[in-house]
């Protein structure tokens, strides 16, 4: 099983980035996928989540209206479009999977994890 998150970088406040999470080694459309982030000194939090077929999404309040999660099951990939970025969005971003039969926003219930990609937003 592999998840590779990429697309992070350095961007000015107000800018945008698109993260991708490419996966392999498992039946992708049997899993919901979440994007987490962890800022220095803080715990890792779920910020967006998408169901196996894309029919249901969840967003943390702090990113609602700015971030959009989507997936392409034909490409085994999940995306996170991040617009209107703020310095407080600076963090390492991770993607992780959760079996579609289960729903949780808690980190401990996610099975497979990518390695993380750094997003830095300058003011």
Protein backbone atom coordinates (compact mmCIF):
# COMPACT_ATOMS: atom_id res chain seq x y z
CA UNK A 1 0.00 0.00 0.00
CA UNK A 2 1.33 3.40 -0.95
CA UNK A 3 0.01 6.92 -0.60
CA UNK A 4 2.09 9.76 -1.92
CA UNK A 5 1.08 13.32 -1.12
CA UNK A 6 2.60 16.04 -3.24
CA UNK A 7 1.98 19.54 -4.49
CA UNK A 8 2.99 21.52 -1.43
CA UNK A 9 5.26 24.50 -1.50
CA UNK A 10 5.76 28.13 -0.55
CA UNK A 11 3.00 30.56 -1.47
CA UNK A 12 2.02 34.07 -0.47
CA UNK A 13 -1.10 34.75 1.54
CA UNK A 14 -4.12 34.85 -0.73
CA UNK A 15 -2.55 32.39 -3.12
CA UNK A 16 -3.53 28.85 -3.98
CA UNK A 17 -2.11 25.35 -4.18
CA UNK A 18 -3.45 22.01 -5.28
CA UNK A 19 -2.37 18.96 -3.35
CA UNK A 20 -2.59 15.48 -4.78
CA UNK A 21 -2.57 12.11 -3.06
CA UNK A 22 -1.67 9.32 -5.43
CA UNK A 23 -2.37 5.83 -4.17
CA UNK A 24 -1.67 2.24 -5.09
CA UNK A 25 -1.77 -1.25 -3.67
CA UNK A 26 -5.36 -1.37 -2.49
CA UNK A 27 -8.90 -1.08 -3.83
CA UNK A 28 -9.16 2.68 -3.85
CA UNK A 29 -12.91 2.98 -4.26
CA UNK A 30 -13.51 0.95 -1.11
CA UNK A 31 -12.00 3.72 0.98
CA UNK A 32 -12.92 7.18 2.10
CA UNK A 33 -9.96 9.56 2.18
CA UNK A 34 -9.06 12.41 4.47
CA UNK A 35 -6.58 15.25 4.36
CA UNK A 36 -4.97 16.07 7.70
CA UNK A 37 -2.53 18.77 8.61
CA UNK A 38 -0.08 19.30 11.42
CA UNK A 39 1.44 22.64 12.27
CA UNK A 40 4.58 22.84 14.44
CA UNK A 41 3.75 22.15 18.06
CA UNK A 42 0.16 21.21 17.32
CA UNK A 43 -1.68 17.97 16.91
CA UNK A 44 -2.64 16.56 13.56
CA UNK A 45 -6.21 17.44 12.59
CA UNK A 46 -8.56 16.31 9.87
CA UNK A 47 -9.40 19.23 7.61
CA UNK A 48 -11.26 17.56 4.76
CA UNK A 49 -12.69 14.16 4.03
CA UNK A 50 -14.38 12.57 1.02
CA UNK A 51 -16.43 9.42 0.77
CA UNK A 52 -15.50 6.53 -1.50
CA UNK A 53 -17.67 7.79 -4.36
CA UNK A 54 -17.24 11.49 -3.75
CA UNK A 55 -20.84 11.85 -2.70
CA UNK A 56 -20.13 13.11 0.78
CA UNK A 57 -17.56 15.56 2.06
CA UNK A 58 -16.50 17.03 5.37
CA UNK A 59 -14.56 20.23 6.02
CA UNK A 60 -13.15 21.64 9.17
CA UNK A 61 -14.65 25.04 9.89
CA UNK A 62 -11.31 26.81 9.42
CA UNK A 63 -11.10 25.75 5.74
CA UNK A 64 -14.75 25.80 4.70
CA UNK A 65 -15.33 27.89 1.60
CA UNK A 66 -11.61 27.97 0.78
CA UNK A 67 -10.61 24.33 0.33
CA UNK A 68 -12.23 21.72 -1.90
CA UNK A 69 -11.59 18.00 -1.73
CA UNK A 70 -12.23 15.80 -4.74
CA UNK A 71 -11.22 12.41 -6.06
CA UNK A 72 -10.73 10.58 -9.34
CA UNK A 73 -11.27 6.89 -8.77
CA UNK A 74 -10.02 6.07 -12.27
CA UNK A 75 -6.65 7.57 -11.29
CA UNK A 76 -6.69 6.39 -7.65
CA UNK A 77 -6.02 9.97 -6.62
CA UNK A 78 -7.51 12.49 -4.22
CA UNK A 79 -7.01 16.22 -4.54
CA UNK A 80 -7.19 19.18 -2.21
CA UNK A 81 -7.64 22.53 -3.89
CA UNK A 82 -6.61 25.25 -1.47
CA UNK A 83 -7.56 28.83 -2.25
CA UNK A 84 -7.25 32.09 -0.33
CA UNK A 85 -4.42 30.63 1.69
CA UNK A 86 -3.55 32.16 5.03
CA UNK A 87 -0.36 32.01 7.10
CA UNK A 88 -2.23 29.84 9.60
CA UNK A 89 -2.61 27.19 6.89
CA UNK A 90 1.11 26.55 7.15
CA UNK A 91 1.56 22.89 8.07
CA UNK A 92 2.55 19.50 6.83
CA UNK A 93 -0.40 18.00 4.97
CA UNK A 94 -1.10 14.28 4.98
CA UNK A 95 -3.60 12.09 3.20
CA UNK A 96 -4.99 8.97 4.83
CA UNK A 97 -7.61 6.34 4.13
CA UNK A 98 -10.53 4.99 6.10
CA UNK A 99 -12.67 2.01 5.15
CA UNK A 100 -15.92 3.17 3.61
CA UNK A 101 -17.94 1.14 6.12
CA UNK A 102 -16.74 3.41 8.93
CA UNK A 103 -16.88 7.14 9.59
CA UNK A 104 -14.63 9.05 11.94
CA UNK A 105 -12.74 12.31 11.99
CA UNK A 106 -10.26 10.96 14.53
CA UNK A 107 -6.76 10.26 13.34
CA UNK A 108 -6.51 6.89 15.09
CA UNK A 109 -9.22 5.39 12.88
CA UNK A 110 -7.37 6.00 9.63
CA UNK A 111 -5.52 3.07 8.15
CA UNK A 112 -2.99 4.04 5.54
CA UNK A 113 -1.00 7.28 5.51
CA UNK A 114 1.03 9.22 3.04
CA UNK A 115 4.36 10.79 3.93
CA UNK A 116 3.18 14.40 4.07
CA UNK A 117 3.86 17.48 2.01
CA UNK A 118 4.89 20.85 3.42
CA UNK A 119 2.73 23.89 2.78
CA UNK A 120 4.12 27.26 3.81
CA UNK A 121 2.09 30.44 3.46
CA UNK A 122 3.97 33.69 3.86
CA UNK A 123 2.31 36.90 5.00
